[in-house]
PDB file of N, CA and C in Angstrom:
ATOM      1  N   MET A   1      -5.165   3.410 -23.144  1.00  0.00           N
ATOM      2  CA  MET A   1      -5.694   2.775 -21.963  1.00  0.00           C
ATOM      3  C   MET A   1      -4.598   2.506 -20.935  1.00  0.00           C
ATOM      4  N   PHE A   2      -3.391   2.203 -21.391  1.00  0.00           N
ATOM      5  CA  PHE A   2      -2.280   1.939 -20.492  1.00  0.00           C
ATOM      6  C   PHE A   2      -1.961   3.169 -19.653  1.00  0.00           C
ATOM      7  N   ILE A   3      -1.955   4.341 -20.268  1.00  0.00           N
ATOM      8  CA  ILE A   3      -1.638   5.579 -19.554  1.00  0.00           C
ATOM      9  C   ILE A   3      -2.687   5.839 -18.463  1.00  0.00           C
ATOM     10  N   PHE A   4      -3.964   5.626 -18.792  1.00  0.00           N
ATOM     11  CA  PHE A   4      -5.027   5.820 -17.805  1.00  0.00           C
ATOM     12  C   PHE A   4      -4.838   4.877 -16.625  1.00  0.00           C
ATOM     13  N   ASN A   5      -4.539   3.621 -16.879  1.00  0.00           N
ATOM     14  CA  ASN A   5      -4.320   2.652 -15.804  1.00  0.00           C
ATOM     15  C   ASN A   5      -3.115   3.026 -14.949  1.00  0.00           C
ATOM     16  N   LEU A   6      -2.069   3.505 -15.587  1.00  0.00           N
ATOM     17  CA  LEU A   6      -0.868   3.916 -14.866  1.00  0.00           C
ATOM     18  C   LEU A   6      -1.171   5.106 -13.958  1.00  0.00           C
ATOM     19  N   ILE A   7      -1.863   6.086 -14.481  1.00  0.00           N
ATOM     20  CA  ILE A   7      -2.221   7.265 -13.686  1.00  0.00           C
ATOM     21  C   ILE A   7      -3.147   6.865 -12.537  1.00  0.00           C
ATOM     22  N   ALA A   8      -4.122   5.998 -12.817  1.00  0.00           N
ATOM     23  CA  ALA A   8      -5.034   5.536 -11.768  1.00  0.00           C
ATOM     24  C   ALA A   8      -4.271   4.795 -10.678  1.00  0.00           C
ATOM     25  N   GLN A   9      -3.301   3.982 -11.054  1.00  0.00           N
ATOM     26  CA  GLN A   9      -2.506   3.237 -10.074  1.00  0.00           C
ATOM     27  C   GLN A   9      -1.690   4.185  -9.211  1.00  0.00           C
ATOM     28  N   ILE A  10      -1.145   5.242  -9.793  1.00  0.00           N
ATOM     29  CA  ILE A  10      -0.371   6.219  -9.030  1.00  0.00           C
ATOM     30  C   ILE A  10      -1.272   6.973  -8.062  1.00  0.00           C
ATOM     31  N   VAL A  11      -2.460   7.363  -8.525  1.00  0.00           N
ATOM     32  CA  VAL A  11      -3.397   8.085  -7.660  1.00  0.00           C
ATOM     33  C   VAL A  11      -3.865   7.193  -6.510  1.00  0.00           C
ATOM     34  N   ILE A  12      -4.248   5.969  -6.796  1.00  0.00           N
ATOM     35  CA  ILE A  12      -4.678   5.032  -5.751  1.00  0.00           C
ATOM     36  C   ILE A  12      -3.517   4.741  -4.801  1.00  0.00           C
ATOM     37  N   GLY A  13      -2.322   4.575  -5.357  1.00  0.00           N
ATOM     38  CA  GLY A  13      -1.142   4.345  -4.518  1.00  0.00           C
ATOM     39  C   GLY A  13      -0.862   5.510  -3.598  1.00  0.00           C
ATOM     40  N   GLY A  14      -0.976   6.731  -4.113  1.00  0.00           N
ATOM     41  CA  GLY A  14      -0.762   7.912  -3.281  1.00  0.00           C
ATOM     42  C   GLY A  14      -1.788   8.021  -2.174  1.00  0.00           C
ATOM     43  N   LEU A  15      -3.042   7.764  -2.514  1.00  0.00           N
ATOM     44  CA  LEU A  15      -4.107   7.808  -1.516  1.00  0.00           C
ATOM     45  C   LEU A  15      -3.921   6.712  -0.466  1.00  0.00           C
ATOM     46  N   ALA A  16      -3.591   5.519  -0.909  1.00  0.00           N
ATOM     47  CA  ALA A  16      -3.370   4.414   0.027  1.00  0.00           C
ATOM     48  C   ALA A  16      -2.173   4.698   0.931  1.00  0.00           C
ATOM     49  N   GLY A  17      -1.104   5.220   0.367  1.00  0.00           N
ATOM     50  CA  GLY A  17       0.072   5.562   1.166  1.00  0.00           C
ATOM     51  C   GLY A  17      -0.225   6.655   2.177  1.00  0.00           C
ATOM     52  N   TRP A  18      -1.034   7.645   1.778  1.00  0.00           N
ATOM     53  CA  TRP A  18      -1.394   8.724   2.678  1.00  0.00           C
ATOM     54  C   TRP A  18      -2.253   8.199   3.833  1.00  0.00           C
ATOM     55  N   ILE A  19      -3.225   7.337   3.516  1.00  0.00           N
ATOM     56  CA  ILE A  19      -4.075   6.759   4.562  1.00  0.00           C
ATOM     57  C   ILE A  19      -3.238   5.914   5.519  1.00  0.00           C
ATOM     58  N   ALA A  20      -2.342   5.101   4.973  1.00  0.00           N
ATOM     59  CA  ALA A  20      -1.479   4.269   5.818  1.00  0.00           C
ATOM     60  C   ALA A  20      -0.572   5.136   6.682  1.00  0.00           C
ATOM     61  N   GLU A  21      -0.091   6.243   6.117  1.00  0.00           N
ATOM     62  CA  GLU A  21       0.755   7.166   6.880  1.00  0.00           C
ATOM     63  C   GLU A  21      -0.009   7.724   8.075  1.00  0.00           C
ATOM     64  N   LYS A  22      -1.261   8.085   7.875  1.00  0.00           N
ATOM     65  CA  LYS A  22      -2.069   8.641   8.963  1.00  0.00           C
ATOM     66  C   LYS A  22      -2.422   7.567   9.997  1.00  0.00           C
ATOM     67  N   VAL A  23      -2.771   6.372   9.535  1.00  0.00           N
ATOM     68  CA  VAL A  23      -3.134   5.289  10.447  1.00  0.00           C
ATOM     69  C   VAL A  23      -1.943   4.880  11.315  1.00  0.00           C
ATOM     70  N   MET A  24      -0.773   4.790  10.700  1.00  0.00           N
ATOM     71  CA  MET A  24       0.412   4.317  11.411  1.00  0.00           C
ATOM     72  C   MET A  24       1.226   5.448  12.046  1.00  0.00           C
ATOM     73  N   LYS A  25       0.782   6.696  11.879  1.00  0.00           N
ATOM     74  CA  LYS A  25       1.494   7.870  12.408  1.00  0.00           C
ATOM     75  C   LYS A  25       2.965   7.856  11.969  1.00  0.00           C
ATOM     76  N   PHE A  26       3.138   7.822  10.662  1.00  0.00           N
ATOM     77  CA  PHE A  26       4.456   7.695  10.022  1.00  0.00           C
ATOM     78  C   PHE A  26       4.595   8.867   9.056  1.00  0.00           C
ATOM     79  N   ASP A  27       5.420   9.852   9.391  1.00  0.00           N
ATOM     80  CA  ASP A  27       5.523  11.073   8.608  1.00  0.00           C
ATOM     81  C   ASP A  27       6.433  10.877   7.390  1.00  0.00           C
ATOM     82  N   THR A  28       5.833  10.937   6.183  1.00  0.00           N
ATOM     83  CA  THR A  28       6.600  10.770   4.947  1.00  0.00           C
ATOM     84  C   THR A  28       6.192  11.820   3.931  1.00  0.00           C
ATOM     85  N   SER A  29       6.918  11.865   2.824  1.00  0.00           N
ATOM     86  CA  SER A  29       6.633  12.804   1.741  1.00  0.00           C
ATOM     87  C   SER A  29       5.583  12.234   0.795  1.00  0.00           C
ATOM     88  N   LEU A  30       5.131  13.058  -0.127  1.00  0.00           N
ATOM     89  CA  LEU A  30       4.151  12.622  -1.123  1.00  0.00           C
ATOM     90  C   LEU A  30       4.714  11.487  -1.975  1.00  0.00           C
ATOM     91  N   THR A  31       5.978  11.619  -2.371  1.00  0.00           N
ATOM     92  CA  THR A  31       6.609  10.579  -3.186  1.00  0.00           C
ATOM     93  C   THR A  31       6.661   9.258  -2.434  1.00  0.00           C
ATOM     94  N   MET A  32       7.023   9.327  -1.164  1.00  0.00           N
ATOM     95  CA  MET A  32       7.089   8.098  -0.362  1.00  0.00           C
ATOM     96  C   MET A  32       5.703   7.510  -0.161  1.00  0.00           C
ATOM     97  N   ASN A  33       4.672   8.365  -0.054  1.00  0.00           N
ATOM     98  CA  ASN A  33       3.300   7.865   0.062  1.00  0.00           C
ATOM     99  C   ASN A  33       2.912   7.066  -1.172  1.00  0.00           C
ATOM    100  N   VAL A  34       3.253   7.579  -2.350  1.00  0.00           N
ATOM    101  CA  VAL A  34       2.935   6.876  -3.597  1.00  0.00           C
ATOM    102  C   VAL A  34       3.682   5.543  -3.652  1.00  0.00           C
ATOM    103  N   VAL A  35       4.965   5.571  -3.309  1.00  0.00           N
ATOM    104  CA  VAL A  35       5.768   4.341  -3.323  1.00  0.00           C
ATOM    105  C   VAL A  35       5.218   3.331  -2.313  1.00  0.00           C
ATOM    106  N   LEU A  36       4.907   3.804  -1.110  1.00  0.00           N
ATOM    107  CA  LEU A  36       4.347   2.913  -0.089  1.00  0.00           C
ATOM    108  C   LEU A  36       3.019   2.326  -0.531  1.00  0.00           C
ATOM    109  N   GLY A  37       2.176   3.145  -1.137  1.00  0.00           N
ATOM    110  CA  GLY A  37       0.874   2.672  -1.586  1.00  0.00           C
ATOM    111  C   GLY A  37       0.970   1.645  -2.694  1.00  0.00           C
ATOM    112  N   ILE A  38       1.837   1.892  -3.666  1.00  0.00           N
ATOM    113  CA  ILE A  38       1.997   0.943  -4.778  1.00  0.00           C
ATOM    114  C   ILE A  38       2.645  -0.346  -4.286  1.00  0.00           C
ATOM    115  N   ALA A  39       3.689  -0.219  -3.466  1.00  0.00           N
ATOM    116  CA  ALA A  39       4.329  -1.417  -2.912  1.00  0.00           C
ATOM    117  C   ALA A  39       3.359  -2.161  -1.996  1.00  0.00           C
ATOM    118  N   GLY A  40       2.567  -1.415  -1.234  1.00  0.00           N
ATOM    119  CA  GLY A  40       1.567  -2.031  -0.372  1.00  0.00           C
ATOM    120  C   GLY A  40       0.520  -2.781  -1.168  1.00  0.00           C
ATOM    121  N   SER A  41       0.169  -2.241  -2.319  1.00  0.00           N
ATOM    122  CA  SER A  41      -0.789  -2.908  -3.193  1.00  0.00           C
ATOM    123  C   SER A  41      -0.234  -4.237  -3.685  1.00  0.00           C
ATOM    124  N   VAL A  42       1.022  -4.234  -4.068  1.00  0.00           N
ATOM    125  CA  VAL A  42       1.662  -5.462  -4.548  1.00  0.00           C
ATOM    126  C   VAL A  42       1.731  -6.498  -3.428  1.00  0.00           C
ATOM    127  N   VAL A  43       2.176  -6.063  -2.249  1.00  0.00           N
ATOM    128  CA  VAL A  43       2.297  -6.975  -1.108  1.00  0.00           C
ATOM    129  C   VAL A  43       0.922  -7.484  -0.679  1.00  0.00           C
ATOM    130  N   GLY A  44      -0.035  -6.578  -0.555  1.00  0.00           N
ATOM    131  CA  GLY A  44      -1.381  -6.972  -0.141  1.00  0.00           C
ATOM    132  C   GLY A  44      -2.026  -7.955  -1.102  1.00  0.00           C
ATOM    133  N   ASN A  45      -1.895  -7.690  -2.401  1.00  0.00           N
ATOM    134  CA  ASN A  45      -2.465  -8.601  -3.396  1.00  0.00           C
ATOM    135  C   ASN A  45      -1.773  -9.958  -3.377  1.00  0.00           C
ATOM    136  N   ALA A  46      -0.462  -9.972  -3.153  1.00  0.00           N
ATOM    137  CA  ALA A  46       0.256 -11.244  -3.083  1.00  0.00           C
ATOM    138  C   ALA A  46      -0.220 -12.064  -1.894  1.00  0.00           C
ATOM    139  N   ILE A  47      -0.423 -11.411  -0.749  1.00  0.00           N
ATOM    140  CA  ILE A  47      -0.902 -12.122   0.436  1.00  0.00           C
ATOM    141  C   ILE A  47      -2.313 -12.643   0.212  1.00  0.00           C
ATOM    142  N   ILE A  48      -3.180 -11.810  -0.345  1.00  0.00           N
ATOM    143  CA  ILE A  48      -4.565 -12.213  -0.598  1.00  0.00           C
ATOM    144  C   ILE A  48      -4.616 -13.415  -1.541  1.00  0.00           C
ATOM    145  N   ARG A  49      -3.833 -13.356  -2.613  1.00  0.00           N
ATOM    146  CA  ARG A  49      -3.828 -14.473  -3.573  1.00  0.00           C
ATOM    147  C   ARG A  49      -3.239 -15.736  -2.955  1.00  0.00           C
ATOM    148  N   THR A  50      -2.193 -15.601  -2.150  1.00  0.00           N
ATOM    149  CA  THR A  50      -1.580 -16.757  -1.506  1.00  0.00           C
ATOM    150  C   THR A  50      -2.557 -17.455  -0.567  1.00  0.00           C
ATOM    151  N   LEU A  51      -3.355 -16.655   0.130  1.00  0.00           N
ATOM    152  CA  LEU A  51      -4.333 -17.221   1.054  1.00  0.00           C
ATOM    153  C   LEU A  51      -5.593 -17.731   0.347  1.00  0.00           C
ATOM    154  N   GLY A  52      -5.677 -17.481  -0.950  1.00  0.00           N
ATOM    155  CA  GLY A  52      -6.835 -17.934  -1.710  1.00  0.00           C
ATOM    156  C   GLY A  52      -8.087 -17.120  -1.451  1.00  0.00           C
ATOM    157  N   LEU A  53      -7.911 -15.867  -1.051  1.00  0.00           N
ATOM    158  CA  LEU A  53      -9.033 -15.008  -0.701  1.00  0.00           C
ATOM    159  C   LEU A  53      -9.260 -13.915  -1.730  1.00  0.00           C
ATOM    160  N   TRP A  54      -8.939 -14.151  -2.973  1.00  0.00           N
ATOM    161  CA  TRP A  54      -9.018 -13.101  -3.991  1.00  0.00           C
ATOM    162  C   TRP A  54     -10.433 -12.536  -4.066  1.00  0.00           C
ATOM    163  N   PRO A  55     -10.621 -11.276  -3.645  1.00  0.00           N
ATOM    164  CA  PRO A  55     -11.967 -10.715  -3.558  1.00  0.00           C
ATOM    165  C   PRO A  55     -12.498 -10.149  -4.861  1.00  0.00           C
ATOM    166  N   GLY A  56     -11.733 -10.181  -5.918  1.00  0.00           N
ATOM    167  CA  GLY A  56     -12.186  -9.592  -7.172  1.00  0.00           C
ATOM    168  C   GLY A  56     -11.717  -8.159  -7.294  1.00  0.00           C
ATOM    169  N   GLY A  57     -12.252  -7.468  -8.279  1.00  0.00           N
ATOM    170  CA  GLY A  57     -11.820  -6.105  -8.538  1.00  0.00           C
ATOM    171  C   GLY A  57     -12.634  -5.081  -7.780  1.00  0.00           C
ATOM    172  N   GLY A  58     -12.453  -3.854  -8.164  1.00  0.00           N
ATOM    173  CA  GLY A  58     -13.189  -2.767  -7.535  1.00  0.00           C
ATOM    174  C   GLY A  58     -12.246  -1.766  -6.910  1.00  0.00           C
ATOM    175  N   LEU A  59     -12.617  -0.514  -6.985  1.00  0.00           N
ATOM    176  CA  LEU A  59     -11.781   0.560  -6.482  1.00  0.00           C
ATOM    177  C   LEU A  59     -11.623   0.499  -4.966  1.00  0.00           C
ATOM    178  N   ILE A  60     -12.714   0.305  -4.262  1.00  0.00           N
ATOM    179  CA  ILE A  60     -12.656   0.282  -2.797  1.00  0.00           C
ATOM    180  C   ILE A  60     -11.845  -0.911  -2.304  1.00  0.00           C
ATOM    181  N   ARG A  61     -12.066  -2.075  -2.900  1.00  0.00           N
ATOM    182  CA  ARG A  61     -11.296  -3.270  -2.496  1.00  0.00           C
ATOM    183  C   ARG A  61      -9.816  -3.075  -2.764  1.00  0.00           C
ATOM    184  N   SER A  62      -9.488  -2.502  -3.914  1.00  0.00           N
ATOM    185  CA  SER A  62      -8.082  -2.251  -4.246  1.00  0.00           C
ATOM    186  C   SER A  62      -7.460  -1.290  -3.252  1.00  0.00           C
ATOM    187  N   LEU A  63      -8.203  -0.260  -2.878  1.00  0.00           N
ATOM    188  CA  LEU A  63      -7.694   0.724  -1.926  1.00  0.00           C
ATOM    189  C   LEU A  63      -7.485   0.098  -0.550  1.00  0.00           C
ATOM    190  N   VAL A  64      -8.429  -0.709  -0.095  1.00  0.00           N
ATOM    191  CA  VAL A  64      -8.306  -1.354   1.218  1.00  0.00           C
ATOM    192  C   VAL A  64      -7.105  -2.300   1.246  1.00  0.00           C
ATOM    193  N   ILE A  65      -6.933  -3.070   0.190  1.00  0.00           N
ATOM    194  CA  ILE A  65      -5.797  -3.998   0.122  1.00  0.00           C
ATOM    195  C   ILE A  65      -4.480  -3.231   0.084  1.00  0.00           C
ATOM    196  N   ALA A  66      -4.430  -2.134  -0.670  1.00  0.00           N
ATOM    197  CA  ALA A  66      -3.213  -1.330  -0.746  1.00  0.00           C
ATOM    198  C   ALA A  66      -2.895  -0.685   0.594  1.00  0.00           C
ATOM    199  N   VAL A  67      -3.900  -0.181   1.295  1.00  0.00           N
ATOM    200  CA  VAL A  67      -3.678   0.424   2.615  1.00  0.00           C
ATOM    201  C   VAL A  67      -3.169  -0.631   3.596  1.00  0.00           C
ATOM    202  N   ALA A  68      -3.789  -1.809   3.595  1.00  0.00           N
ATOM    203  CA  ALA A  68      -3.355  -2.878   4.497  1.00  0.00           C
ATOM    204  C   ALA A  68      -1.912  -3.291   4.201  1.00  0.00           C
ATOM    205  N   GLY A  69      -1.573  -3.408   2.915  1.00  0.00           N
ATOM    206  CA  GLY A  69      -0.207  -3.761   2.546  1.00  0.00           C
ATOM    207  C   GLY A  69       0.785  -2.679   2.934  1.00  0.00           C
ATOM    208  N   ALA A  70       0.417  -1.410   2.754  1.00  0.00           N
ATOM    209  CA  ALA A  70       1.304  -0.309   3.128  1.00  0.00           C
ATOM    210  C   ALA A  70       1.493  -0.257   4.642  1.00  0.00           C
ATOM    211  N   CYS A  71       0.428  -0.506   5.396  1.00  0.00           N
ATOM    212  CA  CYS A  71       0.551  -0.552   6.861  1.00  0.00           C
ATOM    213  C   CYS A  71       1.485  -1.680   7.283  1.00  0.00           C
ATOM    214  N   LEU A  72       1.374  -2.812   6.621  1.00  0.00           N
ATOM    215  CA  LEU A  72       2.275  -3.933   6.913  1.00  0.00           C
ATOM    216  C   LEU A  72       3.726  -3.555   6.617  1.00  0.00           C
ATOM    217  N   LEU A  73       3.965  -2.875   5.513  1.00  0.00           N
ATOM    218  CA  LEU A  73       5.330  -2.455   5.181  1.00  0.00           C
ATOM    219  C   LEU A  73       5.879  -1.470   6.209  1.00  0.00           C
ATOM    220  N   ILE A  74       5.057  -0.539   6.660  1.00  0.00           N
ATOM    221  CA  ILE A  74       5.489   0.414   7.688  1.00  0.00           C
ATOM    222  C   ILE A  74       5.809  -0.330   8.980  1.00  0.00           C
ATOM    223  N   TYR A  75       4.957  -1.269   9.343  1.00  0.00           N
ATOM    224  CA  TYR A  75       5.190  -2.070  10.547  1.00  0.00           C
ATOM    225  C   TYR A  75       6.516  -2.833  10.457  1.00  0.00           C
ATOM    226  N   LEU A  76       6.756  -3.482   9.315  1.00  0.00           N
ATOM    227  CA  LEU A  76       8.000  -4.233   9.137  1.00  0.00           C
ATOM    228  C   LEU A  76       9.213  -3.315   9.148  1.00  0.00           C
ATOM    229  N   TYR A  77       9.087  -2.143   8.552  1.00  0.00           N
ATOM    230  CA  TYR A  77      10.185  -1.169   8.571  1.00  0.00           C
ATOM    231  C   TYR A  77      10.526  -0.796  10.008  1.00  0.00           C
ATOM    232  N   ARG A  78       9.497  -0.498  10.784  1.00  0.00           N
ATOM    233  CA  ARG A  78       9.730  -0.131  12.189  1.00  0.00           C
ATOM    234  C   ARG A  78      10.318  -1.301  12.973  1.00  0.00           C
ATOM    235  N   LEU A  79       9.853  -2.500  12.721  1.00  0.00           N
ATOM    236  CA  LEU A  79      10.341  -3.673  13.426  1.00  0.00           C
ATOM    237  C   LEU A  79      11.826  -3.893  13.155  1.00  0.00           C
ATOM    238  N   PHE A  80      12.234  -3.850  11.893  1.00  0.00           N
ATOM    239  CA  PHE A  80      13.634  -4.093  11.556  1.00  0.00           C
ATOM    240  C   PHE A  80      14.519  -2.904  11.881  1.00  0.00           C
ATOM    241  N   ASN A  81      13.979  -1.711  11.811  1.00  0.00           N
ATOM    242  CA  ASN A  81      14.768  -0.524  12.125  1.00  0.00           C
ATOM    243  C   ASN A  81      15.049  -0.457  13.619  1.00  0.00           C
ATOM    244  N   ARG A  82      14.114  -0.907  14.430  1.00  0.00           N
ATOM    245  CA  ARG A  82      14.288  -0.904  15.894  1.00  0.00           C
ATOM    246  C   ARG A  82      15.350  -1.910  16.290  1.00  0.00           C
ATOM    247  N   GLN A  83      15.405  -3.064  15.642  1.00  0.00           N
ATOM    248  CA  GLN A  83      16.377  -4.094  16.016  1.00  0.00           C
ATOM    249  C   GLN A  83      17.784  -3.724  15.567  1.00  0.00           C
ATOM    250  N   LYS A  84      17.878  -2.865  14.542  1.00  0.00           N
ATOM    251  CA  LYS A  84      19.187  -2.470  14.045  1.00  0.00           C
ATOM    252  C   LYS A  84      19.904  -1.535  15.018  1.00  0.00           C
ATOM    253  N   ALA A  85      19.158  -0.727  15.737  1.00  0.00           N
ATOM    254  CA  ALA A  85      19.742   0.286  16.633  1.00  0.00           C
ATOM    255  C   ALA A  85      20.265  -0.293  17.903  1.00  0.00           C
TER     256      ALA A  85
END
């Protein structure tokens, strides 16, 4: 069961990263999409739990939260990268 969950998390992370890449017009590789999606999922879930808005489980909810978190990470990357230059 652990392997199935791990594979599902990678697939959802890749899909979320790809969607965030298209929404934010941020050109990245497949590997970066997976990393962005998984990191976005962690960030999005942390924000949701902190705000007390835990919506429960579900594939669509997980994907939406991961995409929102990945978009936030892309936004923050651009914000800090712009100030560095």
